[in-house]
Amino acid sequence: MRVNVDKVLERDQKLSELDDRADALQAGASQFETSAAKLKRKYWWKNLKLKRKHWWKNLKVGNDPKSTKTAPKSPKTAPKWAEIAPKWAEVATK
């Protein structure tokens, strides 16, 4: 009988330790989920800003969005709207 009581107490201690480890694991998982969401949001915004930057650059230059040309250095050398419009019309009809 005494052996059975010792086994029950030992089992209770092991279950308590297991419960503590499970709680710690749950807390770590929750923290990971939060930090992963923040990181995902950060890079989503970074990607959006980069896409917006490229879109504006291509709109200013008047190139096809798939073009590799860069924007002019000075506003004085920027193309006039009359030069840009035909290029965009070509892109739109493709």
PDB file of N, CA and C in Angstrom:
ATOM      1  N   MET A   1       0.820  -1.182   0.000  1.00  0.00           N
ATOM      2  CA  MET A   1       0.000   0.000   0.000  1.00  0.00           C
ATOM      3  C   MET A   1       0.878   1.265   0.000  1.00  0.00           C
ATOM      4  N   ARG A   2       1.909   1.227   0.786  1.00  0.00           N
ATOM      5  CA  ARG A   2       2.809   2.371   0.872  1.00  0.00           C
ATOM      6  C   ARG A   2       3.487   2.618  -0.485  1.00  0.00           C
ATOM      7  N   VAL A   3       3.821   1.564  -1.204  1.00  0.00           N
ATOM      8  CA  VAL A   3       4.443   1.682  -2.525  1.00  0.00           C
ATOM      9  C   VAL A   3       3.478   2.375  -3.486  1.00  0.00           C
ATOM     10  N   ASN A   4       2.217   2.020  -3.406  1.00  0.00           N
ATOM     11  CA  ASN A   4       1.220   2.647  -4.284  1.00  0.00           C
ATOM     12  C   ASN A   4       1.086   4.144  -3.999  1.00  0.00           C
ATOM     13  N   VAL A   5       1.100   4.516  -2.755  1.00  0.00           N
ATOM     14  CA  VAL A   5       1.015   5.931  -2.384  1.00  0.00           C
ATOM     15  C   VAL A   5       2.244   6.674  -2.896  1.00  0.00           C
ATOM     16  N   ASP A   6       3.410   6.075  -2.762  1.00  0.00           N
ATOM     17  CA  ASP A   6       4.633   6.701  -3.275  1.00  0.00           C
ATOM     18  C   ASP A   6       4.554   6.888  -4.789  1.00  0.00           C
ATOM     19  N   LYS A   7       4.029   5.882  -5.482  1.00  0.00           N
ATOM     20  CA  LYS A   7       3.896   5.974  -6.943  1.00  0.00           C
ATOM     21  C   LYS A   7       2.909   7.075  -7.329  1.00  0.00           C
ATOM     22  N   VAL A   8       1.818   7.197  -6.597  1.00  0.00           N
ATOM     23  CA  VAL A   8       0.833   8.242  -6.877  1.00  0.00           C
ATOM     24  C   VAL A   8       1.456   9.616  -6.662  1.00  0.00           C
ATOM     25  N   LEU A   9       2.199   9.792  -5.587  1.00  0.00           N
ATOM     26  CA  LEU A   9       2.857  11.072  -5.320  1.00  0.00           C
ATOM     27  C   LEU A   9       3.908  11.393  -6.385  1.00  0.00           C
ATOM     28  N   GLU A  10       4.636  10.376  -6.795  1.00  0.00           N
ATOM     29  CA  GLU A  10       5.654  10.562  -7.838  1.00  0.00           C
ATOM     30  C   GLU A  10       4.992  10.943  -9.164  1.00  0.00           C
ATOM     31  N   ARG A  11       3.893  10.272  -9.487  1.00  0.00           N
ATOM     32  CA  ARG A  11       3.163  10.575 -10.718  1.00  0.00           C
ATOM     33  C   ARG A  11       2.614  12.005 -10.674  1.00  0.00           C
ATOM     34  N   ASP A  12       2.107  12.400  -9.508  1.00  0.00           N
ATOM     35  CA  ASP A  12       1.581  13.753  -9.348  1.00  0.00           C
ATOM     36  C   ASP A  12       2.686  14.792  -9.553  1.00  0.00           C
ATOM     37  N   GLN A  13       3.871  14.507  -9.051  1.00  0.00           N
ATOM     38  CA  GLN A  13       5.001  15.421  -9.209  1.00  0.00           C
ATOM     39  C   GLN A  13       5.398  15.524 -10.685  1.00  0.00           C
ATOM     40  N   LYS A  14       5.428  14.388 -11.381  1.00  0.00           N
ATOM     41  CA  LYS A  14       5.783  14.395 -12.802  1.00  0.00           C
ATOM     42  C   LYS A  14       4.735  15.148 -13.620  1.00  0.00           C
ATOM     43  N   LEU A  15       3.455  14.957 -13.278  1.00  0.00           N
ATOM     44  CA  LEU A  15       2.400  15.676 -13.987  1.00  0.00           C
ATOM     45  C   LEU A  15       2.501  17.178 -13.749  1.00  0.00           C
ATOM     46  N   SER A  16       2.857  17.549 -12.544  1.00  0.00           N
ATOM     47  CA  SER A  16       3.025  18.961 -12.218  1.00  0.00           C
ATOM     48  C   SER A  16       4.176  19.567 -13.025  1.00  0.00           C
ATOM     49  N   GLU A  17       5.285  18.853 -13.130  1.00  0.00           N
ATOM     50  CA  GLU A  17       6.427  19.321 -13.921  1.00  0.00           C
ATOM     51  C   GLU A  17       6.053  19.426 -15.401  1.00  0.00           C
ATOM     52  N   LEU A  18       5.320  18.430 -15.881  1.00  0.00           N
ATOM     53  CA  LEU A  18       4.888  18.436 -17.278  1.00  0.00           C
ATOM     54  C   LEU A  18       3.959  19.621 -17.550  1.00  0.00           C
ATOM     55  N   ASP A  19       3.077  19.899 -16.615  1.00  0.00           N
ATOM     56  CA  ASP A  19       2.165  21.031 -16.750  1.00  0.00           C
ATOM     57  C   ASP A  19       2.940  22.351 -16.779  1.00  0.00           C
ATOM     58  N   ASP A  20       3.955  22.476 -15.941  1.00  0.00           N
ATOM     59  CA  ASP A  20       4.790  23.684 -15.927  1.00  0.00           C
ATOM     60  C   ASP A  20       5.523  23.864 -17.256  1.00  0.00           C
ATOM     61  N   ARG A  21       6.059  22.765 -17.784  1.00  0.00           N
ATOM     62  CA  ARG A  21       6.760  22.842 -19.072  1.00  0.00           C
ATOM     63  C   ARG A  21       5.793  23.206 -20.196  1.00  0.00           C
ATOM     64  N   ALA A  22       4.577  22.654 -20.147  1.00  0.00           N
ATOM     65  CA  ALA A  22       3.574  22.979 -21.167  1.00  0.00           C
ATOM     66  C   ALA A  22       3.191  24.455 -21.108  1.00  0.00           C
ATOM     67  N   ASP A  23       3.057  24.996 -19.901  1.00  0.00           N
ATOM     68  CA  ASP A  23       2.746  26.423 -19.751  1.00  0.00           C
ATOM     69  C   ASP A  23       3.874  27.290 -20.307  1.00  0.00           C
ATOM     70  N   ALA A  24       5.110  26.901 -20.025  1.00  0.00           N
ATOM     71  CA  ALA A  24       6.258  27.658 -20.540  1.00  0.00           C
ATOM     72  C   ALA A  24       6.302  27.599 -22.066  1.00  0.00           C
ATOM     73  N   LEU A  25       6.010  26.438 -22.620  1.00  0.00           N
ATOM     74  CA  LEU A  25       5.997  26.278 -24.072  1.00  0.00           C
ATOM     75  C   LEU A  25       4.886  27.121 -24.693  1.00  0.00           C
ATOM     76  N   GLN A  26       3.729  27.145 -24.053  1.00  0.00           N
ATOM     77  CA  GLN A  26       2.612  27.954 -24.545  1.00  0.00           C
ATOM     78  C   GLN A  26       2.968  29.439 -24.526  1.00  0.00           C
ATOM     79  N   ALA A  27       3.614  29.884 -23.469  1.00  0.00           N
ATOM     80  CA  ALA A  27       4.023  31.295 -23.378  1.00  0.00           C
ATOM     81  C   ALA A  27       5.030  31.632 -24.476  1.00  0.00           C
ATOM     82  N   GLY A  28       5.978  30.734 -24.718  1.00  0.00           N
ATOM     83  CA  GLY A  28       6.961  30.956 -25.778  1.00  0.00           C
ATOM     84  C   GLY A  28       6.310  30.987 -27.151  1.00  0.00           C
ATOM     85  N   ALA A  29       5.331  30.110 -27.367  1.00  0.00           N
ATOM     86  CA  ALA A  29       4.630  30.083 -28.652  1.00  0.00           C
ATOM     87  C   ALA A  29       3.834  31.364 -28.866  1.00  0.00           C
ATOM     88  N   SER A  30       3.230  31.852 -27.810  1.00  0.00           N
ATOM     89  CA  SER A  30       2.465  33.094 -27.903  1.00  0.00           C
ATOM     90  C   SER A  30       3.383  34.271 -28.227  1.00  0.00           C
ATOM     91  N   GLN A  31       4.529  34.320 -27.591  1.00  0.00           N
ATOM     92  CA  GLN A  31       5.500  35.386 -27.851  1.00  0.00           C
ATOM     93  C   GLN A  31       6.017  35.292 -29.288  1.00  0.00           C
ATOM     94  N   PHE A  32       6.276  34.082 -29.763  1.00  0.00           N
ATOM     95  CA  PHE A  32       6.739  33.888 -31.136  1.00  0.00           C
ATOM     96  C   PHE A  32       5.676  34.353 -32.128  1.00  0.00           C
ATOM     97  N   GLU A  33       4.427  34.023 -31.858  1.00  0.00           N
ATOM     98  CA  GLU A  33       3.338  34.417 -32.748  1.00  0.00           C
ATOM     99  C   GLU A  33       3.238  35.939 -32.843  1.00  0.00           C
ATOM    100  N   THR A  34       3.361  36.608 -31.720  1.00  0.00           N
ATOM    101  CA  THR A  34       3.299  38.070 -31.696  1.00  0.00           C
ATOM    102  C   THR A  34       4.462  38.687 -32.470  1.00  0.00           C
ATOM    103  N   SER A  35       5.666  38.205 -32.215  1.00  0.00           N
ATOM    104  CA  SER A  35       6.831  38.782 -32.902  1.00  0.00           C
ATOM    105  C   SER A  35       6.813  38.451 -34.394  1.00  0.00           C
ATOM    106  N   ALA A  36       6.316  37.281 -34.763  1.00  0.00           N
ATOM    107  CA  ALA A  36       6.223  36.929 -36.182  1.00  0.00           C
ATOM    108  C   ALA A  36       5.219  37.830 -36.894  1.00  0.00           C
ATOM    109  N   ALA A  37       4.110  38.139 -36.240  1.00  0.00           N
ATOM    110  CA  ALA A  37       3.117  39.036 -36.839  1.00  0.00           C
ATOM    111  C   ALA A  37       3.696  40.435 -37.025  1.00  0.00           C
ATOM    112  N   LYS A  38       4.438  40.917 -36.031  1.00  0.00           N
ATOM    113  CA  LYS A  38       5.062  42.241 -36.145  1.00  0.00           C
ATOM    114  C   LYS A  38       6.065  42.267 -37.291  1.00  0.00           C
ATOM    115  N   LEU A  39       6.866  41.218 -37.407  1.00  0.00           N
ATOM    116  CA  LEU A  39       7.866  41.147 -38.470  1.00  0.00           C
ATOM    117  C   LEU A  39       7.200  41.078 -39.842  1.00  0.00           C
ATOM    118  N   LYS A  40       6.135  40.299 -39.941  1.00  0.00           N
ATOM    119  CA  LYS A  40       5.404  40.186 -41.203  1.00  0.00           C
ATOM    120  C   LYS A  40       4.841  41.543 -41.606  1.00  0.00           C
ATOM    121  N   ARG A  41       4.253  42.255 -40.652  1.00  0.00           N
ATOM    122  CA  ARG A  41       3.688  43.573 -40.912  1.00  0.00           C
ATOM    123  C   ARG A  41       4.781  44.548 -41.332  1.00  0.00           C
ATOM    124  N   LYS A  42       5.930  44.487 -40.674  1.00  0.00           N
ATOM    125  CA  LYS A  42       7.042  45.392 -40.992  1.00  0.00           C
ATOM    126  C   LYS A  42       7.490  45.206 -42.440  1.00  0.00           C
ATOM    127  N   TYR A  43       7.683  43.960 -42.854  1.00  0.00           N
ATOM    128  CA  TYR A  43       8.162  43.720 -44.205  1.00  0.00           C
ATOM    129  C   TYR A  43       7.071  43.917 -45.250  1.00  0.00           C
ATOM    130  N   TRP A  44       5.801  43.775 -44.851  1.00  0.00           N
ATOM    131  CA  TRP A  44       4.710  44.069 -45.768  1.00  0.00           C
ATOM    132  C   TRP A  44       4.732  45.555 -46.113  1.00  0.00           C
ATOM    133  N   TRP A  45       4.877  46.415 -45.089  1.00  0.00           N
ATOM    134  CA  TRP A  45       4.943  47.855 -45.312  1.00  0.00           C
ATOM    135  C   TRP A  45       6.187  48.227 -46.115  1.00  0.00           C
ATOM    136  N   LYS A  46       7.304  47.589 -45.787  1.00  0.00           N
ATOM    137  CA  LYS A  46       8.547  47.882 -46.507  1.00  0.00           C
ATOM    138  C   LYS A  46       8.389  47.546 -47.992  1.00  0.00           C
ATOM    139  N   ASN A  47       7.769  46.421 -48.274  1.00  0.00           N
ATOM    140  CA  ASN A  47       7.537  46.007 -49.652  1.00  0.00           C
ATOM    141  C   ASN A  47       6.587  46.977 -50.354  1.00  0.00           C
ATOM    142  N   LEU A  48       5.537  47.407 -49.660  1.00  0.00           N
ATOM    143  CA  LEU A  48       4.588  48.353 -50.238  1.00  0.00           C
ATOM    144  C   LEU A  48       5.277  49.672 -50.573  1.00  0.00           C
ATOM    145  N   LYS A  49       6.106  50.163 -49.661  1.00  0.00           N
ATOM    146  CA  LYS A  49       6.820  51.419 -49.902  1.00  0.00           C
ATOM    147  C   LYS A  49       7.755  51.290 -51.104  1.00  0.00           C
ATOM    148  N   LEU A  50       8.413  50.153 -51.224  1.00  0.00           N
ATOM    149  CA  LEU A  50       9.317  49.938 -52.347  1.00  0.00           C
ATOM    150  C   LEU A  50       8.548  49.893 -53.662  1.00  0.00           C
ATOM    151  N   LYS A  51       7.416  49.200 -53.666  1.00  0.00           N
ATOM    152  CA  LYS A  51       6.598  49.150 -54.884  1.00  0.00           C
ATOM    153  C   LYS A  51       6.107  50.539 -55.262  1.00  0.00           C
ATOM    154  N   ARG A  52       5.688  51.326 -54.258  1.00  0.00           N
ATOM    155  CA  ARG A  52       5.210  52.680 -54.516  1.00  0.00           C
ATOM    156  C   ARG A  52       6.337  53.540 -55.086  1.00  0.00           C
ATOM    157  N   LYS A  53       7.528  53.370 -54.545  1.00  0.00           N
ATOM    158  CA  LYS A  53       8.682  54.139 -55.024  1.00  0.00           C
ATOM    159  C   LYS A  53       8.959  53.822 -56.494  1.00  0.00           C
ATOM    160  N   HIS A  54       8.948  52.545 -56.837  1.00  0.00           N
ATOM    161  CA  HIS A  54       9.201  52.160 -58.228  1.00  0.00           C
ATOM    162  C   HIS A  54       8.082  52.642 -59.141  1.00  0.00           C
ATOM    163  N   TRP A  55       6.853  52.582 -58.668  1.00  0.00           N
ATOM    164  CA  TRP A  55       5.727  53.022 -59.477  1.00  0.00           C
ATOM    165  C   TRP A  55       5.853  54.506 -59.790  1.00  0.00           C
ATOM    166  N   TRP A  56       6.161  55.321 -58.750  1.00  0.00           N
ATOM    167  CA  TRP A  56       6.302  56.760 -58.957  1.00  0.00           C
ATOM    168  C   TRP A  56       7.483  57.072 -59.872  1.00  0.00           C
ATOM    169  N   LYS A  57       8.572  56.342 -59.692  1.00  0.00           N
ATOM    170  CA  LYS A  57       9.748  56.578 -60.538  1.00  0.00           C
ATOM    171  C   LYS A  57       9.389  56.327 -61.997  1.00  0.00           C
ATOM    172  N   ASN A  58       8.698  55.235 -62.257  1.00  0.00           N
ATOM    173  CA  ASN A  58       8.326  54.918 -63.630  1.00  0.00           C
ATOM    174  C   ASN A  58       7.277  55.876 -64.165  1.00  0.00           C
ATOM    175  N   LEU A  59       6.410  56.365 -63.316  1.00  0.00           N
ATOM    176  CA  LEU A  59       5.412  57.331 -63.754  1.00  0.00           C
ATOM    177  C   LEU A  59       6.081  58.650 -64.121  1.00  0.00           C
ATOM    178  N   LYS A  60       7.056  59.084 -63.315  1.00  0.00           N
ATOM    179  CA  LYS A  60       7.773  60.330 -63.587  1.00  0.00           C
ATOM    180  C   LYS A  60       8.548  60.240 -64.895  1.00  0.00           C
ATOM    181  N   VAL A  61       9.237  59.161 -65.093  1.00  0.00           N
ATOM    182  CA  VAL A  61      10.073  59.007 -66.277  1.00  0.00           C
ATOM    183  C   VAL A  61       9.215  58.757 -67.498  1.00  0.00           C
ATOM    184  N   GLY A  62       8.078  58.119 -67.296  1.00  0.00           N
ATOM    185  CA  GLY A  62       7.196  57.835 -68.414  1.00  0.00           C
ATOM    186  C   GLY A  62       7.569  56.565 -69.131  1.00  0.00           C
ATOM    187  N   ASN A  63       8.226  55.675 -68.444  1.00  0.00           N
ATOM    188  CA  ASN A  63       8.646  54.422 -69.055  1.00  0.00           C
ATOM    189  C   ASN A  63       7.625  53.330 -68.809  1.00  0.00           C
ATOM    190  N   ASP A  64       7.819  52.279 -69.530  1.00  0.00           N
ATOM    191  CA  ASP A  64       7.082  51.049 -69.259  1.00  0.00           C
ATOM    192  C   ASP A  64       7.481  50.597 -67.856  1.00  0.00           C
ATOM    193  N   PRO A  65       6.545  50.157 -67.015  1.00  0.00           N
ATOM    194  CA  PRO A  65       6.910  49.733 -65.654  1.00  0.00           C
ATOM    195  C   PRO A  65       7.960  48.631 -65.613  1.00  0.00           C
ATOM    196  N   LYS A  66       8.104  47.900 -66.695  1.00  0.00           N
ATOM    197  CA  LYS A  66       9.097  46.824 -66.723  1.00  0.00           C
ATOM    198  C   LYS A  66      10.460  47.320 -67.214  1.00  0.00           C
ATOM    199  N   SER A  67      10.544  48.599 -67.496  1.00  0.00           N
ATOM    200  CA  SER A  67      11.775  49.183 -68.014  1.00  0.00           C
ATOM    201  C   SER A  67      12.845  49.256 -66.930  1.00  0.00           C
ATOM    202  N   THR A  68      14.102  49.287 -67.366  1.00  0.00           N
ATOM    203  CA  THR A  68      15.213  49.373 -66.413  1.00  0.00           C
ATOM    204  C   THR A  68      15.821  50.771 -66.379  1.00  0.00           C
ATOM    205  N   LYS A  69      15.239  51.725 -67.090  1.00  0.00           N
ATOM    206  CA  LYS A  69      15.775  53.085 -67.104  1.00  0.00           C
ATOM    207  C   LYS A  69      15.563  53.740 -65.748  1.00  0.00           C
ATOM    208  N   THR A  70      16.438  54.684 -65.435  1.00  0.00           N
ATOM    209  CA  THR A  70      16.325  55.395 -64.159  1.00  0.00           C
ATOM    210  C   THR A  70      15.753  56.787 -64.388  1.00  0.00           C
ATOM    211  N   ALA A  71      15.301  57.405 -63.322  1.00  0.00           N
ATOM    212  CA  ALA A  71      14.727  58.744 -63.402  1.00  0.00           C
ATOM    213  C   ALA A  71      15.818  59.760 -63.716  1.00  0.00           C
ATOM    214  N   PRO A  72      15.474  60.844 -64.393  1.00  0.00           N
ATOM    215  CA  PRO A  72      16.456  61.895 -64.669  1.00  0.00           C
ATOM    216  C   PRO A  72      16.948  62.531 -63.375  1.00  0.00           C
ATOM    217  N   LYS A  73      18.142  63.078 -63.397  1.00  0.00           N
ATOM    218  CA  LYS A  73      18.748  63.675 -62.213  1.00  0.00           C
ATOM    219  C   LYS A  73      18.131  65.031 -61.891  1.00  0.00           C
ATOM    220  N   SER A  74      17.758  65.787 -62.905  1.00  0.00           N
ATOM    221  CA  SER A  74      17.275  67.145 -62.703  1.00  0.00           C
ATOM    222  C   SER A  74      15.871  67.292 -63.279  1.00  0.00           C
ATOM    223  N   PRO A  75      15.007  68.094 -62.655  1.00  0.00           N
ATOM    224  CA  PRO A  75      13.677  68.313 -63.219  1.00  0.00           C
ATOM    225  C   PRO A  75      13.733  69.012 -64.574  1.00  0.00           C
ATOM    226  N   LYS A  76      14.818  69.731 -64.835  1.00  0.00           N
ATOM    227  CA  LYS A  76      14.955  70.419 -66.119  1.00  0.00           C
ATOM    228  C   LYS A  76      15.067  69.422 -67.267  1.00  0.00           C
ATOM    229  N   THR A  77      15.648  68.263 -66.991  1.00  0.00           N
ATOM    230  CA  THR A  77      15.826  67.268 -68.043  1.00  0.00           C
ATOM    231  C   THR A  77      14.682  66.270 -68.096  1.00  0.00           C
ATOM    232  N   ALA A  78      13.683  66.442 -67.238  1.00  0.00           N
ATOM    233  CA  ALA A  78      12.549  65.515 -67.228  1.00  0.00           C
ATOM    234  C   ALA A  78      11.760  65.667 -68.525  1.00  0.00           C
ATOM    235  N   PRO A  79      11.235  64.576 -69.057  1.00  0.00           N
ATOM    236  CA  PRO A  79      10.475  64.663 -70.306  1.00  0.00           C
ATOM    237  C   PRO A  79       9.151  65.404 -70.093  1.00  0.00           C
ATOM    238  N   LYS A  80       8.689  66.056 -71.122  1.00  0.00           N
ATOM    239  CA  LYS A  80       7.417  66.767 -71.071  1.00  0.00           C
ATOM    240  C   LYS A  80       6.276  65.758 -71.220  1.00  0.00           C
ATOM    241  N   TRP A  81       5.082  66.164 -70.794  1.00  0.00           N
ATOM    242  CA  TRP A  81       3.942  65.246 -70.839  1.00  0.00           C
ATOM    243  C   TRP A  81       3.659  64.803 -72.272  1.00  0.00           C
ATOM    244  N   ALA A  82       3.879  65.658 -73.233  1.00  0.00           N
ATOM    245  CA  ALA A  82       3.646  65.301 -74.629  1.00  0.00           C
ATOM    246  C   ALA A  82       4.573  64.161 -75.065  1.00  0.00           C
ATOM    247  N   GLU A  83       5.740  64.064 -74.444  1.00  0.00           N
ATOM    248  CA  GLU A  83       6.656  62.970 -74.761  1.00  0.00           C
ATOM    249  C   GLU A  83       6.264  61.691 -74.025  1.00  0.00           C
ATOM    250  N   ILE A  84       5.677  61.844 -72.855  1.00  0.00           N
ATOM    251  CA  ILE A  84       5.346  60.684 -72.025  1.00  0.00           C
ATOM    252  C   ILE A  84       4.073  59.991 -72.499  1.00  0.00           C
ATOM    253  N   ALA A  85       3.063  60.778 -72.850  1.00  0.00           N
ATOM    254  CA  ALA A  85       1.748  60.231 -73.178  1.00  0.00           C
ATOM    255  C   ALA A  85       1.790  59.176 -74.285  1.00  0.00           C
ATOM    256  N   PRO A  86       2.504  59.387 -75.387  1.00  0.00           N
ATOM    257  CA  PRO A  86       2.517  58.343 -76.425  1.00  0.00           C
ATOM    258  C   PRO A  86       3.108  57.019 -75.937  1.00  0.00           C
ATOM    259  N   LYS A  87       4.114  57.093 -75.077  1.00  0.00           N
ATOM    260  CA  LYS A  87       4.715  55.860 -74.558  1.00  0.00           C
ATOM    261  C   LYS A  87       3.704  55.085 -73.732  1.00  0.00           C
ATOM    262  N   TRP A  88       2.947  55.806 -72.898  1.00  0.00           N
ATOM    263  CA  TRP A  88       1.946  55.126 -72.064  1.00  0.00           C
ATOM    264  C   TRP A  88       0.803  54.593 -72.912  1.00  0.00           C
ATOM    265  N   ALA A  89       0.491  55.280 -73.994  1.00  0.00           N
ATOM    266  CA  ALA A  89      -0.558  54.785 -74.884  1.00  0.00           C
ATOM    267  C   ALA A  89      -0.122  53.467 -75.513  1.00  0.00           C
ATOM    268  N   GLU A  90       1.162  53.363 -75.864  1.00  0.00           N
ATOM    269  CA  GLU A  90       1.676  52.112 -76.422  1.00  0.00           C
ATOM    270  C   GLU A  90       1.594  50.986 -75.402  1.00  0.00           C
ATOM    271  N   VAL A  91       1.949  51.278 -74.174  1.00  0.00           N
ATOM    272  CA  VAL A  91       1.919  50.272 -73.112  1.00  0.00           C
ATOM    273  C   VAL A  91       0.486  49.820 -72.861  1.00  0.00           C
ATOM    274  N   ALA A  92      -0.454  50.758 -72.871  1.00  0.00           N
ATOM    275  CA  ALA A  92      -1.854  50.434 -72.582  1.00  0.00           C
ATOM    276  C   ALA A  92      -2.469  49.567 -73.668  1.00  0.00           C
ATOM    277  N   THR A  93      -2.018  49.703 -74.913  1.00  0.00           N
ATOM    278  CA  THR A  93      -2.598  48.920 -76.003  1.00  0.00           C
ATOM    279  C   THR A  93      -1.998  47.530 -76.108  1.00  0.00           C
ATOM    280  N   LYS A  94      -0.904  47.288 -75.423  1.00  0.00           N
ATOM    281  CA  LYS A  94      -0.259  45.967 -75.502  1.00  0.00           C
ATOM    282  C   LYS A  94      -0.999  44.952 -74.704  1.00  0.00           C
TER     283      LYS A  94
END
